[in-house]
């Protein structure tokens, strides 16, 4: 497992995408599927076929990396079912970047 790197001073979509992709590979490794290509348009449901328990694991990894500033449960709580089904890695990355910048500005 890679050592945890400090959160960049100015988070960008590229740095957060790299972090999130690494977390997703950790989750997918349990299924022996950790070499999948993960990009901004990758969907959690159709492309990665993640189950709800996998999202709970991802939420824990996000909190471990970014602290309570990034709350996946809170993020998806405001979504309709179809939005959750269609959720992309890019939308999560945008949320993480926004959360980190908002936290720094606050």
C-alpha atoms as a PDB file:
ATOM      1  CA  UNK A   1       0.000   0.000   0.000  1.00  0.00           C
ATOM      2  CA  UNK A   2       1.263   3.469  -0.857  1.00  0.00           C
ATOM      3  CA  UNK A   3       2.082   5.826   1.979  1.00  0.00           C
ATOM      4  CA  UNK A   4      -0.433   8.613   2.414  1.00  0.00           C
ATOM      5  CA  UNK A   5       0.753  11.767   0.692  1.00  0.00           C
ATOM      6  CA  UNK A   6      -0.126  15.178   2.114  1.00  0.00           C
ATOM      7  CA  UNK A   7      -3.157  16.849   0.573  1.00  0.00           C
ATOM      8  CA  UNK A   8      -1.896  19.397  -1.983  1.00  0.00           C
ATOM      9  CA  UNK A   9      -2.101  23.051  -0.995  1.00  0.00           C
ATOM     10  CA  UNK A  10      -4.278  23.755  -4.018  1.00  0.00           C
ATOM     11  CA  UNK A  11      -6.230  20.613  -4.935  1.00  0.00           C
ATOM     12  CA  UNK A  12      -6.842  20.160  -8.652  1.00  0.00           C
ATOM     13  CA  UNK A  13      -9.066  17.767 -10.538  1.00  0.00           C
ATOM     14  CA  UNK A  14      -5.961  15.902 -11.730  1.00  0.00           C
ATOM     15  CA  UNK A  15      -4.506  15.358  -8.253  1.00  0.00           C
ATOM     16  CA  UNK A  16      -7.877  14.386  -6.781  1.00  0.00           C
ATOM     17  CA  UNK A  17      -8.603  12.071  -9.727  1.00  0.00           C
ATOM     18  CA  UNK A  18      -5.297  10.299  -9.081  1.00  0.00           C
ATOM     19  CA  UNK A  19      -6.208   9.923  -5.386  1.00  0.00           C
ATOM     20  CA  UNK A  20      -9.753   8.705  -6.077  1.00  0.00           C
ATOM     21  CA  UNK A  21      -8.574   6.298  -8.799  1.00  0.00           C
ATOM     22  CA  UNK A  22      -6.095   4.808  -6.331  1.00  0.00           C
ATOM     23  CA  UNK A  23      -8.842   4.399  -3.741  1.00  0.00           C
ATOM     24  CA  UNK A  24     -11.108   2.744  -6.290  1.00  0.00           C
ATOM     25  CA  UNK A  25      -8.326   0.343  -7.294  1.00  0.00           C
ATOM     26  CA  UNK A  26      -7.982  -0.571  -3.607  1.00  0.00           C
ATOM     27  CA  UNK A  27     -11.709  -1.333  -3.471  1.00  0.00           C
ATOM     28  CA  UNK A  28     -11.644  -3.223  -6.779  1.00  0.00           C
ATOM     29  CA  UNK A  29      -8.599  -5.262  -5.730  1.00  0.00           C
ATOM     30  CA  UNK A  30     -10.932  -7.287  -3.511  1.00  0.00           C
ATOM     31  CA  UNK A  31     -12.499  -8.551  -6.738  1.00  0.00           C
ATOM     32  CA  UNK A  32      -9.141  -9.043  -8.464  1.00  0.00           C
ATOM     33  CA  UNK A  33      -9.974  -6.152 -10.792  1.00  0.00           C
ATOM     34  CA  UNK A  34      -7.497  -3.442  -9.801  1.00  0.00           C
ATOM     35  CA  UNK A  35      -6.067  -2.701 -13.268  1.00  0.00           C
ATOM     36  CA  UNK A  36      -9.192  -1.066 -14.698  1.00  0.00           C
ATOM     37  CA  UNK A  37      -8.799   2.328 -16.405  1.00  0.00           C
ATOM     38  CA  UNK A  38     -10.485   5.012 -14.312  1.00  0.00           C
ATOM     39  CA  UNK A  39     -11.204   8.456 -15.749  1.00  0.00           C
ATOM     40  CA  UNK A  40     -13.555  11.355 -15.180  1.00  0.00           C
ATOM     41  CA  UNK A  41     -16.356   9.744 -17.234  1.00  0.00           C
ATOM     42  CA  UNK A  42     -16.097   6.341 -15.528  1.00  0.00           C
ATOM     43  CA  UNK A  43     -19.364   5.450 -13.803  1.00  0.00           C
ATOM     44  CA  UNK A  44     -19.483   3.723 -10.445  1.00  0.00           C
ATOM     45  CA  UNK A  45     -22.447   1.541 -11.401  1.00  0.00           C
ATOM     46  CA  UNK A  46     -22.097   0.618 -15.091  1.00  0.00           C
ATOM     47  CA  UNK A  47     -18.308   0.744 -15.561  1.00  0.00           C
ATOM     48  CA  UNK A  48     -16.985  -0.293 -12.152  1.00  0.00           C
ATOM     49  CA  UNK A  49     -20.057  -2.311 -11.056  1.00  0.00           C
ATOM     50  CA  UNK A  50     -19.650  -1.171  -7.457  1.00  0.00           C
ATOM     51  CA  UNK A  51     -22.114  -2.321  -4.829  1.00  0.00           C
ATOM     52  CA  UNK A  52     -23.360  -0.096  -2.008  1.00  0.00           C
ATOM     53  CA  UNK A  53     -20.907  -1.747   0.417  1.00  0.00           C
ATOM     54  CA  UNK A  54     -18.084  -0.716  -1.935  1.00  0.00           C
ATOM     55  CA  UNK A  55     -19.248   2.884  -1.694  1.00  0.00           C
ATOM     56  CA  UNK A  56     -19.132   2.599   2.098  1.00  0.00           C
ATOM     57  CA  UNK A  57     -15.519   1.411   1.797  1.00  0.00           C
ATOM     58  CA  UNK A  58     -14.768   4.285  -0.596  1.00  0.00           C
ATOM     59  CA  UNK A  59     -16.349   6.745   1.855  1.00  0.00           C
ATOM     60  CA  UNK A  60     -13.989   5.485   4.565  1.00  0.00           C
ATOM     61  CA  UNK A  61     -10.979   5.859   2.281  1.00  0.00           C
ATOM     62  CA  UNK A  62     -12.032   9.397   1.337  1.00  0.00           C
ATOM     63  CA  UNK A  63     -12.387  10.348   5.000  1.00  0.00           C
ATOM     64  CA  UNK A  64      -9.039   8.750   5.818  1.00  0.00           C
ATOM     65  CA  UNK A  65      -7.393  10.799   3.052  1.00  0.00           C
ATOM     66  CA  UNK A  66      -9.213  14.118   3.360  1.00  0.00           C
ATOM     67  CA  UNK A  67     -10.778  14.065   6.807  1.00  0.00           C
ATOM     68  CA  UNK A  68     -14.379  14.993   7.471  1.00  0.00           C
ATOM     69  CA  UNK A  69     -14.214  17.756   4.865  1.00  0.00           C
ATOM     70  CA  UNK A  70     -15.248  15.154   2.275  1.00  0.00           C
ATOM     71  CA  UNK A  71     -18.396  13.269   3.219  1.00  0.00           C
ATOM     72  CA  UNK A  72     -19.547  10.841   0.508  1.00  0.00           C
ATOM     73  CA  UNK A  73     -22.746   9.919   2.341  1.00  0.00           C
ATOM     74  CA  UNK A  74     -23.730  13.570   2.603  1.00  0.00           C
ATOM     75  CA  UNK A  75     -22.861  14.102  -1.068  1.00  0.00           C
ATOM     76  CA  UNK A  76     -25.110  11.296  -2.348  1.00  0.00           C
ATOM     77  CA  UNK A  77     -27.882  11.956   0.197  1.00  0.00           C
ATOM     78  CA  UNK A  78     -29.090  14.911  -1.857  1.00  0.00           C
ATOM     79  CA  UNK A  79     -29.278  12.914  -5.089  1.00  0.00           C
ATOM     80  CA  UNK A  80     -32.164  11.171  -6.767  1.00  0.00           C
ATOM     81  CA  UNK A  81     -31.812   7.414  -7.350  1.00  0.00           C
ATOM     82  CA  UNK A  82     -31.048   7.881 -11.081  1.00  0.00           C
ATOM     83  CA  UNK A  83     -28.316  10.415 -10.266  1.00  0.00           C
ATOM     84  CA  UNK A  84     -26.657   7.896  -7.962  1.00  0.00           C
ATOM     85  CA  UNK A  85     -26.891   5.182 -10.628  1.00  0.00           C
ATOM     86  CA  UNK A  86     -25.313   7.547 -13.193  1.00  0.00           C
ATOM     87  CA  UNK A  87     -22.689   8.968 -10.801  1.00  0.00           C
ATOM     88  CA  UNK A  88     -19.321   9.420 -12.463  1.00  0.00           C
ATOM     89  CA  UNK A  89     -15.854   9.572 -10.980  1.00  0.00           C
ATOM     90  CA  UNK A  90     -15.636  13.104 -12.410  1.00  0.00           C
ATOM     91  CA  UNK A  91     -18.631  14.303 -10.434  1.00  0.00           C
ATOM     92  CA  UNK A  92     -17.103  12.901  -7.243  1.00  0.00           C
ATOM     93  CA  UNK A  93     -13.751  14.507  -8.095  1.00  0.00           C
ATOM     94  CA  UNK A  94     -15.464  17.876  -8.596  1.00  0.00           C
ATOM     95  CA  UNK A  95     -17.189  17.489  -5.231  1.00  0.00           C
ATOM     96  CA  UNK A  96     -13.912  16.646  -3.481  1.00  0.00           C
ATOM     97  CA  UNK A  97     -12.093  19.619  -5.055  1.00  0.00           C
ATOM     98  CA  UNK A  98     -14.979  21.922  -4.134  1.00  0.00           C
ATOM     99  CA  UNK A  99     -15.080  20.576  -0.551  1.00  0.00           C
ATOM    100  CA  UNK A 100     -11.349  21.044  -0.057  1.00  0.00           C
ATOM    101  CA  UNK A 101     -11.352  24.566  -1.516  1.00  0.00           C
ATOM    102  CA  UNK A 102     -14.428  25.531   0.498  1.00  0.00           C
ATOM    103  CA  UNK A 103     -12.772  24.194   3.655  1.00  0.00           C
ATOM    104  CA  UNK A 104      -9.633  26.245   2.999  1.00  0.00           C
ATOM    105  CA  UNK A 105     -11.645  29.397   2.250  1.00  0.00           C
ATOM    106  CA  UNK A 106     -13.871  28.909   5.294  1.00  0.00           C
END
